[in-house]
Structure formats: structure tokens, C-alpha cells
Amino acid sequence: MIDTKTALVTGANKGIGFAIAQGLGAIGYTVAVGARDDVRGKEAVERLRAAGVDAFGVALDVTSDDSVTAAAATIEQTAGRLDVLVNNTGIAGRTDGGAQDPTTLDLDIVRTVLDTNVFGVIRVTNAMLPLLRRANSPRIVNISSSMGSLALQPGPILAAYAPSKSMLNSIMTQYARQLADTNVIVNACCPGYVATDFTGFNSPRTPDQGAAIAVRLATLPDDGPRGGFFNDEGVVPW
């Protein structure tokens, strides 16, 4: 029996998440498709299977402790362990009416964005760590954004979204430090400005191009970098 590696990709039913699932599946991973919407999740699993990927669906709302706990149980029953976790789920938050202008910032939107983009990653990571520790070469990849870079400060002013990615990167370094003496390698990446519904499809960059760096970090060798923030070109200053 071939010992297949299993990867969980959160928010894998569309966009970059789906492309990451497809990329990992294409190199032989069994992919757990994390999706909040059951119908969209099933459709994504069917599309992946039609493309020859071994995939199964996992109901997963990263803002719900109960949902995350149940997702970990599903993966344990189906695969017994987890080799790769890609924390892809993310939201931009509302932007209407000055909602993310720092001078008129809606704190409820900040809370909502953080609950998905930061707290959701912590929830999922901590629930999946026991399964990751069972793998020989476990990898955690957080999908971040160069908008969270204090050095670069690209893109529009989004005073909830951009700081959520700064905090996500900071949390990632804390995990990397804590897990430095283990075989769990943690990094973050920026997929770039990709044409998805998240960006209004306003980019020439495809989801497959955006997914490439995540797939690379998910398949790092055991002596690969830890606690870094990368894009296609290499290290992102932040």
C-alpha cells in the first residue's frame, strides 16, 4: 500500500484555495477540501476528482470552535494524520462608507476580519497540530499578503485587512519559534494580486500562478526555511 500524504486546504472550494488543492493533488497528495458551504465544497471535490485528484470534503467554518474540532475528527477518521495544513481562508471585510479608512474605522469590521484571518488560523492550526505531529515532514503554510508588510505598504488603505495580515505573519513567527525543535515547518506566503472574486477578477495573474508559492512551501525539504514570508521572487520584506 502506498503511504499517501494528506493536505488540508481551508477555503479550498474556489480561487487560490482551489488552485492550491489542485496543485498538491497533481503531485500525489490526498486533499481535504475545507469549505464552509457544503454545496460548494462538494462541487470542488467533484471537480478535483474529475481532474484525477484524490479529494474529500471537510465541513469547516474557521470562526467556529465546534466546526474546527469536528473537521479535525473527520480528517483523523479519514486519513489518520495530516502532512500539510494550508491556512488559506481569508476575508477582506466591508469597505463601504469609510469602513476601513483608519480615521473612520468600524471596529466591528476589524473584529470580523481578525476572527477569520487571525483567530481562525490559530483555531485551525491548534486543532490540527496533533495530526500534523504524526507526520514525518509536516508543513504549515499561512496565506498572507504583502499588504501586511510594514516595509512595502502596497495596495489600497484597508485598515482592517492589512493589519490582519501583519498580525498573521507575527503569529506565524511565534509558531515557528515554538516548533523550532520539531519537524513541523511553518511559513507564510503572498500569492500576489490574483484574479479571483476576492479581487473582482481585476488581475492578469491566475490562481494557479498564485498557488505556486504555497505548493512550494508545503513541499519544502526537511532543511527548508522556517518562520519566513515568501513570494515567487523569494523573501518578502516586512
C-alpha atoms as a PDB file:
ATOM      1  CA  MET A   1       0.000   0.000   0.000  1.00  0.00           C
ATOM      2  CA  ILE A   2       1.270   3.442  -0.970  1.00  0.00           C
ATOM      3  CA  ASP A   3       1.522   5.789   2.011  1.00  0.00           C
ATOM      4  CA  THR A   4      -0.236   8.822   0.613  1.00  0.00           C
ATOM      5  CA  LYS A   5       0.299  12.232   2.163  1.00  0.00           C
ATOM      6  CA  THR A   6      -2.768  14.251   3.121  1.00  0.00           C
ATOM      7  CA  ALA A   7      -3.149  18.017   2.899  1.00  0.00           C
ATOM      8  CA  LEU A   8      -5.919  20.188   4.326  1.00  0.00           C
ATOM      9  CA  VAL A   9      -6.555  23.419   2.450  1.00  0.00           C
ATOM     10  CA  THR A  10      -9.025  25.767   4.134  1.00  0.00           C
ATOM     11  CA  GLY A  11     -11.318  27.755   1.852  1.00  0.00           C
ATOM     12  CA  ALA A  12     -10.469  25.333  -0.940  1.00  0.00           C
ATOM     13  CA  ASN A  13     -13.742  25.484  -2.836  1.00  0.00           C
ATOM     14  CA  LYS A  14     -12.686  28.397  -5.088  1.00  0.00           C
ATOM     15  CA  GLY A  15      -9.947  30.811  -6.111  1.00  0.00           C
ATOM     16  CA  ILE A  16      -6.425  30.377  -4.812  1.00  0.00           C
ATOM     17  CA  GLY A  17      -7.505  27.722  -2.293  1.00  0.00           C
ATOM     18  CA  PHE A  18      -8.884  25.525  -5.058  1.00  0.00           C
ATOM     19  CA  ALA A  19      -5.734  26.075  -7.129  1.00  0.00           C
ATOM     20  CA  ILE A  20      -3.548  25.070  -4.160  1.00  0.00           C
ATOM     21  CA  ALA A  21      -5.662  21.927  -3.665  1.00  0.00           C
ATOM     22  CA  GLN A  22      -5.297  21.142  -7.373  1.00  0.00           C
ATOM     23  CA  GLY A  23      -1.531  21.768  -7.265  1.00  0.00           C
ATOM     24  CA  LEU A  24      -0.987  19.479  -4.276  1.00  0.00           C
ATOM     25  CA  GLY A  25      -3.306  16.866  -5.724  1.00  0.00           C
ATOM     26  CA  ALA A  26      -1.396  16.892  -9.005  1.00  0.00           C
ATOM     27  CA  ILE A  27       1.783  15.807  -7.198  1.00  0.00           C
ATOM     28  CA  GLY A  28       0.074  12.975  -5.376  1.00  0.00           C
ATOM     29  CA  TYR A  29      -1.385  14.413  -2.194  1.00  0.00           C
ATOM     30  CA  THR A  30      -4.817  13.404  -0.975  1.00  0.00           C
ATOM     31  CA  VAL A  31      -6.569  16.724  -0.460  1.00  0.00           C
ATOM     32  CA  ALA A  32      -9.041  17.538   2.282  1.00  0.00           C
ATOM     33  CA  VAL A  33     -11.149  20.338   0.826  1.00  0.00           C
ATOM     34  CA  GLY A  34     -12.098  22.644   3.676  1.00  0.00           C
ATOM     35  CA  ALA A  35     -15.235  24.632   2.869  1.00  0.00           C
ATOM     36  CA  ARG A  36     -17.835  26.463   4.920  1.00  0.00           C
ATOM     37  CA  ASP A  37     -20.516  25.925   2.251  1.00  0.00           C
ATOM     38  CA  ASP A  38     -21.319  22.219   1.883  1.00  0.00           C
ATOM     39  CA  VAL A  39     -22.653  22.545  -1.663  1.00  0.00           C
ATOM     40  CA  ARG A  40     -19.629  24.464  -2.924  1.00  0.00           C
ATOM     41  CA  GLY A  41     -17.343  22.065  -1.087  1.00  0.00           C
ATOM     42  CA  LYS A  42     -18.928  19.035  -2.771  1.00  0.00           C
ATOM     43  CA  GLU A  43     -18.702  20.721  -6.172  1.00  0.00           C
ATOM     44  CA  ALA A  44     -14.992  21.429  -5.604  1.00  0.00           C
ATOM     45  CA  VAL A  45     -14.344  17.807  -4.590  1.00  0.00           C
ATOM     46  CA  GLU A  46     -16.113  16.612  -7.747  1.00  0.00           C
ATOM     47  CA  ARG A  47     -14.056  18.978  -9.932  1.00  0.00           C
ATOM     48  CA  LEU A  48     -10.824  17.808  -8.307  1.00  0.00           C
ATOM     49  CA  ARG A  49     -11.735  14.142  -8.681  1.00  0.00           C
ATOM     50  CA  ALA A  50     -12.607  14.738 -12.349  1.00  0.00           C
ATOM     51  CA  ALA A  51      -9.065  16.090 -12.747  1.00  0.00           C
ATOM     52  CA  GLY A  52      -7.634  12.928 -11.202  1.00  0.00           C
ATOM     53  CA  VAL A  53      -7.069  14.269  -7.679  1.00  0.00           C
ATOM     54  CA  ASP A  54      -7.847  12.128  -4.642  1.00  0.00           C
ATOM     55  CA  ALA A  55     -10.007  14.548  -2.645  1.00  0.00           C
ATOM     56  CA  PHE A  56     -12.595  14.526   0.118  1.00  0.00           C
ATOM     57  CA  GLY A  57     -14.693  17.281   1.641  1.00  0.00           C
ATOM     58  CA  VAL A  58     -14.387  18.667   5.148  1.00  0.00           C
ATOM     59  CA  ALA A  59     -17.066  20.985   6.522  1.00  0.00           C
ATOM     60  CA  LEU A  60     -15.071  23.817   8.042  1.00  0.00           C
ATOM     61  CA  ASP A  61     -16.042  27.219   9.381  1.00  0.00           C
ATOM     62  CA  VAL A  62     -12.805  28.654  10.773  1.00  0.00           C
ATOM     63  CA  THR A  63     -14.739  31.038  13.047  1.00  0.00           C
ATOM     64  CA  SER A  64     -16.411  28.156  14.908  1.00  0.00           C
ATOM     65  CA  ASP A  65     -14.624  26.114  17.593  1.00  0.00           C
ATOM     66  CA  ASP A  66     -17.127  23.270  17.164  1.00  0.00           C
ATOM     67  CA  SER A  67     -16.729  23.197  13.379  1.00  0.00           C
ATOM     68  CA  VAL A  68     -12.929  23.144  13.621  1.00  0.00           C
ATOM     69  CA  THR A  69     -12.988  20.353  16.221  1.00  0.00           C
ATOM     70  CA  ALA A  70     -15.329  18.315  14.031  1.00  0.00           C
ATOM     71  CA  ALA A  71     -13.084  18.911  10.996  1.00  0.00           C
ATOM     72  CA  ALA A  72     -10.070  17.547  12.872  1.00  0.00           C
ATOM     73  CA  ALA A  73     -12.099  14.457  13.788  1.00  0.00           C
ATOM     74  CA  THR A  74     -13.120  13.971  10.150  1.00  0.00           C
ATOM     75  CA  ILE A  75      -9.503  14.124   8.982  1.00  0.00           C
ATOM     76  CA  GLU A  76      -8.386  11.750  11.723  1.00  0.00           C
ATOM     77  CA  GLN A  77     -11.057   9.210  10.749  1.00  0.00           C
ATOM     78  CA  THR A  78     -10.341   9.540   7.024  1.00  0.00           C
ATOM     79  CA  ALA A  79      -6.549   9.841   6.915  1.00  0.00           C
ATOM     80  CA  GLY A  80      -5.227   9.181  10.429  1.00  0.00           C
ATOM     81  CA  ARG A  81      -2.766  12.058  10.209  1.00  0.00           C
ATOM     82  CA  LEU A  82      -2.112  15.329   8.390  1.00  0.00           C
ATOM     83  CA  ASP A  83       1.035  16.116   6.408  1.00  0.00           C
ATOM     84  CA  VAL A  84       0.216  19.631   5.220  1.00  0.00           C
ATOM     85  CA  LEU A  85      -2.028  22.399   6.517  1.00  0.00           C
ATOM     86  CA  VAL A  86      -2.626  25.386   4.265  1.00  0.00           C
ATOM     87  CA  ASN A  87      -4.447  28.167   6.115  1.00  0.00           C
ATOM     88  CA  ASN A  88      -5.939  29.838   3.056  1.00  0.00           C
ATOM     89  CA  THR A  89      -9.304  31.120   4.276  1.00  0.00           C
ATOM     90  CA  GLY A  90      -9.369  34.892   4.445  1.00  0.00           C
ATOM     91  CA  ILE A  91     -11.748  37.819   4.070  1.00  0.00           C
ATOM     92  CA  ALA A  92     -11.183  41.448   3.114  1.00  0.00           C
ATOM     93  CA  GLY A  93     -14.059  42.817   5.195  1.00  0.00           C
ATOM     94  CA  ARG A  94     -16.521  45.509   4.201  1.00  0.00           C
ATOM     95  CA  THR A  95     -15.083  48.651   2.677  1.00  0.00           C
ATOM     96  CA  ASP A  96     -18.162  50.784   2.064  1.00  0.00           C
ATOM     97  CA  GLY A  97     -18.716  54.170   3.692  1.00  0.00           C
ATOM     98  CA  GLY A  98     -15.197  54.576   5.020  1.00  0.00           C
ATOM     99  CA  ALA A  99     -15.441  51.298   6.950  1.00  0.00           C
ATOM    100  CA  GLN A 100     -11.680  50.653   6.540  1.00  0.00           C
ATOM    101  CA  ASP A 101     -10.474  54.240   6.482  1.00  0.00           C
ATOM    102  CA  PRO A 102      -8.399  54.387   9.688  1.00  0.00           C
ATOM    103  CA  THR A 103      -9.892  57.766  10.583  1.00  0.00           C
ATOM    104  CA  THR A 104     -13.461  56.388  10.457  1.00  0.00           C
ATOM    105  CA  LEU A 105     -12.689  52.734  11.155  1.00  0.00           C
ATOM    106  CA  ASP A 106     -15.577  50.426  12.009  1.00  0.00           C
ATOM    107  CA  LEU A 107     -14.276  48.313  14.894  1.00  0.00           C
ATOM    108  CA  ASP A 108     -16.868  45.616  14.287  1.00  0.00           C
ATOM    109  CA  ILE A 109     -15.341  45.066  10.858  1.00  0.00           C
ATOM    110  CA  VAL A 110     -11.876  44.815  12.421  1.00  0.00           C
ATOM    111  CA  ARG A 111     -13.206  42.157  14.805  1.00  0.00           C
ATOM    112  CA  THR A 112     -14.859  40.244  11.965  1.00  0.00           C
ATOM    113  CA  VAL A 113     -11.732  40.294   9.797  1.00  0.00           C
ATOM    114  CA  LEU A 114      -9.482  39.240  12.679  1.00  0.00           C
ATOM    115  CA  ASP A 115     -11.852  36.420  13.641  1.00  0.00           C
ATOM    116  CA  THR A 116     -11.313  34.815  10.232  1.00  0.00           C
ATOM    117  CA  ASN A 117      -7.841  35.938   9.192  1.00  0.00           C
ATOM    118  CA  VAL A 118      -6.047  35.546  12.533  1.00  0.00           C
ATOM    119  CA  PHE A 119      -8.153  33.793  15.162  1.00  0.00           C
ATOM    120  CA  GLY A 120      -9.380  31.317  12.537  1.00  0.00           C
ATOM    121  CA  VAL A 121      -5.809  30.375  11.665  1.00  0.00           C
ATOM    122  CA  ILE A 122      -4.984  29.838  15.347  1.00  0.00           C
ATOM    123  CA  ARG A 123      -8.124  27.729  15.851  1.00  0.00           C
ATOM    124  CA  VAL A 124      -7.414  25.509  12.865  1.00  0.00           C
ATOM    125  CA  THR A 125      -3.660  25.215  13.450  1.00  0.00           C
ATOM    126  CA  ASN A 126      -4.011  24.200  17.094  1.00  0.00           C
ATOM    127  CA  ALA A 127      -6.763  21.690  16.295  1.00  0.00           C
ATOM    128  CA  MET A 128      -4.675  20.114  13.517  1.00  0.00           C
ATOM    129  CA  LEU A 129      -1.283  20.085  15.294  1.00  0.00           C
ATOM    130  CA  PRO A 130      -1.819  16.680  16.953  1.00  0.00           C
ATOM    131  CA  LEU A 131      -2.478  15.201  13.489  1.00  0.00           C
ATOM    132  CA  LEU A 132       0.469  17.077  11.954  1.00  0.00           C
ATOM    133  CA  ARG A 133       2.794  15.744  14.652  1.00  0.00           C
ATOM    134  CA  ARG A 134       2.032  12.207  13.431  1.00  0.00           C
ATOM    135  CA  ALA A 135       3.544  13.008  10.016  1.00  0.00           C
ATOM    136  CA  ASN A 136       7.214  12.606   9.125  1.00  0.00           C
ATOM    137  CA  SER A 137       7.625  16.015   7.468  1.00  0.00           C
ATOM    138  CA  PRO A 138       4.649  18.191   8.428  1.00  0.00           C
ATOM    139  CA  ARG A 139       4.270  21.639   6.873  1.00  0.00           C
ATOM    140  CA  ILE A 140       2.058  24.612   7.748  1.00  0.00           C
ATOM    141  CA  VAL A 141       1.591  27.386   5.189  1.00  0.00           C
ATOM    142  CA  ASN A 142      -0.305  30.569   6.006  1.00  0.00           C
ATOM    143  CA  ILE A 143      -1.625  32.535   3.039  1.00  0.00           C
ATOM    144  CA  SER A 144      -0.762  36.118   3.855  1.00  0.00           C
ATOM    145  CA  SER A 145      -0.415  39.288   1.766  1.00  0.00           C
ATOM    146  CA  SER A 146       2.275  41.856   1.078  1.00  0.00           C
ATOM    147  CA  MET A 147      -0.381  44.348   2.208  1.00  0.00           C
ATOM    148  CA  GLY A 148       0.606  43.246   5.698  1.00  0.00           C
ATOM    149  CA  SER A 149       4.209  44.339   5.086  1.00  0.00           C
ATOM    150  CA  LEU A 150       5.243  47.392   7.103  1.00  0.00           C
ATOM    151  CA  ALA A 151       8.140  47.854   4.674  1.00  0.00           C
ATOM    152  CA  LEU A 152       6.184  47.736   1.408  1.00  0.00           C
ATOM    153  CA  GLN A 153       2.699  49.038   2.320  1.00  0.00           C
ATOM    154  CA  PRO A 154       1.227  48.266  -1.131  1.00  0.00           C
ATOM    155  CA  GLY A 155      -2.368  48.417  -2.278  1.00  0.00           C
ATOM    156  CA  PRO A 156      -5.313  50.481  -1.074  1.00  0.00           C
ATOM    157  CA  ILE A 157      -5.736  51.660   2.504  1.00  0.00           C
ATOM    158  CA  LEU A 158      -7.598  48.829   4.244  1.00  0.00           C
ATOM    159  CA  ALA A 159      -7.204  49.396   7.974  1.00  0.00           C
ATOM    160  CA  ALA A 160      -8.782  46.075   8.973  1.00  0.00           C
ATOM    161  CA  TYR A 161      -7.461  43.737   6.281  1.00  0.00           C
ATOM    162  CA  ALA A 162      -3.822  44.891   6.016  1.00  0.00           C
ATOM    163  CA  PRO A 163      -3.152  44.805   9.793  1.00  0.00           C
ATOM    164  CA  SER A 164      -4.798  41.359   9.966  1.00  0.00           C
ATOM    165  CA  LYS A 165      -2.091  40.072   7.622  1.00  0.00           C
ATOM    166  CA  SER A 166       0.639  41.807   9.665  1.00  0.00           C
ATOM    167  CA  MET A 167      -0.664  40.023  12.746  1.00  0.00           C
ATOM    168  CA  LEU A 168      -0.951  36.739  10.852  1.00  0.00           C
ATOM    169  CA  ASN A 169       2.745  36.996   9.936  1.00  0.00           C
ATOM    170  CA  SER A 170       3.674  37.813  13.513  1.00  0.00           C
ATOM    171  CA  ILE A 171       1.701  34.846  14.859  1.00  0.00           C
ATOM    172  CA  MET A 172       3.398  32.646  12.249  1.00  0.00           C
ATOM    173  CA  THR A 173       6.833  33.570  13.626  1.00  0.00           C
ATOM    174  CA  GLN A 174       5.695  32.631  17.138  1.00  0.00           C
ATOM    175  CA  TYR A 175       4.620  29.184  15.895  1.00  0.00           C
ATOM    176  CA  ALA A 176       7.914  28.795  14.036  1.00  0.00           C
ATOM    177  CA  ARG A 177       9.888  29.648  17.168  1.00  0.00           C
ATOM    178  CA  GLN A 178       7.831  27.331  19.369  1.00  0.00           C
ATOM    179  CA  LEU A 179       8.145  24.473  16.871  1.00  0.00           C
ATOM    180  CA  ALA A 180      11.823  25.131  16.028  1.00  0.00           C
ATOM    181  CA  ASP A 181      12.981  21.875  17.622  1.00  0.00           C
ATOM    182  CA  THR A 182      10.303  19.761  15.944  1.00  0.00           C
ATOM    183  CA  ASN A 183       9.795  18.530  12.395  1.00  0.00           C
ATOM    184  CA  VAL A 184       6.861  20.942  11.881  1.00  0.00           C
ATOM    185  CA  ILE A 185       7.935  23.695   9.461  1.00  0.00           C
ATOM    186  CA  VAL A 186       5.813  26.867   9.423  1.00  0.00           C
ATOM    187  CA  ASN A 187       5.968  29.686   6.851  1.00  0.00           C
ATOM    188  CA  ALA A 188       3.771  32.344   5.254  1.00  0.00           C
ATOM    189  CA  CYS A 189       3.425  33.407   1.647  1.00  0.00           C
ATOM    190  CA  CYS A 190       1.946  36.099  -0.548  1.00  0.00           C
ATOM    191  CA  PRO A 191       0.268  34.676  -3.662  1.00  0.00           C
ATOM    192  CA  GLY A 192       0.252  38.103  -5.310  1.00  0.00           C
ATOM    193  CA  TYR A 193      -2.631  40.044  -6.811  1.00  0.00           C
ATOM    194  CA  VAL A 194      -4.591  37.196  -8.366  1.00  0.00           C
ATOM    195  CA  ALA A 195      -7.732  37.238 -10.478  1.00  0.00           C
ATOM    196  CA  THR A 196     -10.381  35.835  -8.111  1.00  0.00           C
ATOM    197  CA  ASP A 197     -13.758  37.026  -6.839  1.00  0.00           C
ATOM    198  CA  PHE A 198     -11.762  38.411  -3.884  1.00  0.00           C
ATOM    199  CA  THR A 199     -10.144  40.961  -6.248  1.00  0.00           C
ATOM    200  CA  GLY A 200     -13.083  41.331  -8.617  1.00  0.00           C
ATOM    201  CA  PHE A 201     -11.062  39.296 -11.144  1.00  0.00           C
ATOM    202  CA  ASN A 202      -9.112  42.501 -11.767  1.00  0.00           C
ATOM    203  CA  SER A 203      -5.691  40.985 -12.436  1.00  0.00           C
ATOM    204  CA  PRO A 204      -3.841  39.139 -15.191  1.00  0.00           C
ATOM    205  CA  ARG A 205      -2.323  36.794 -12.573  1.00  0.00           C
ATOM    206  CA  THR A 206      -4.067  33.411 -12.429  1.00  0.00           C
ATOM    207  CA  PRO A 207      -4.976  31.394  -9.316  1.00  0.00           C
ATOM    208  CA  ASP A 208      -2.524  28.700 -10.467  1.00  0.00           C
ATOM    209  CA  GLN A 209       0.289  31.268 -10.508  1.00  0.00           C
ATOM    210  CA  GLY A 210      -0.737  32.469  -7.054  1.00  0.00           C
ATOM    211  CA  ALA A 211      -0.872  28.915  -5.726  1.00  0.00           C
ATOM    212  CA  ALA A 212       2.667  28.003  -6.809  1.00  0.00           C
ATOM    213  CA  ILE A 213       4.482  29.530  -3.823  1.00  0.00           C
ATOM    214  CA  ALA A 214       2.105  27.833  -1.371  1.00  0.00           C
ATOM    215  CA  VAL A 215       2.692  24.452  -3.014  1.00  0.00           C
ATOM    216  CA  ARG A 216       6.433  25.060  -2.863  1.00  0.00           C
ATOM    217  CA  LEU A 217       6.342  25.858   0.861  1.00  0.00           C
ATOM    218  CA  ALA A 218       4.037  22.894   1.507  1.00  0.00           C
ATOM    219  CA  THR A 219       6.621  20.554  -0.008  1.00  0.00           C
ATOM    220  CA  LEU A 220       9.821  22.033   1.475  1.00  0.00           C
ATOM    221  CA  PRO A 221      12.647  19.637   2.319  1.00  0.00           C
ATOM    222  CA  ASP A 222      13.361  18.967   5.992  1.00  0.00           C
ATOM    223  CA  ASP A 223      16.169  21.550   5.982  1.00  0.00           C
ATOM    224  CA  GLY A 224      13.931  24.214   4.420  1.00  0.00           C
ATOM    225  CA  PRO A 225      13.407  27.710   5.817  1.00  0.00           C
ATOM    226  CA  ARG A 226      11.252  28.309   8.889  1.00  0.00           C
ATOM    227  CA  GLY A 227       9.320  31.359  10.018  1.00  0.00           C
ATOM    228  CA  GLY A 228       9.691  33.212   6.719  1.00  0.00           C
ATOM    229  CA  PHE A 229       7.416  35.246   4.462  1.00  0.00           C
ATOM    230  CA  PHE A 230       7.859  34.446   0.770  1.00  0.00           C
ATOM    231  CA  ASN A 231       6.528  35.145  -2.698  1.00  0.00           C
ATOM    232  CA  ASP A 232       7.615  33.941  -6.139  1.00  0.00           C
ATOM    233  CA  GLU A 233      10.729  36.099  -6.020  1.00  0.00           C
ATOM    234  CA  GLY A 234      11.860  34.981  -2.570  1.00  0.00           C
ATOM    235  CA  VAL A 235      11.683  36.653   0.836  1.00  0.00           C
ATOM    236  CA  VAL A 236       9.120  39.458   1.203  1.00  0.00           C
ATOM    237  CA  PRO A 237      10.438  42.378   3.294  1.00  0.00           C
ATOM    238  CA  TRP A 238       8.126  43.039   6.184  1.00  0.00           C
END
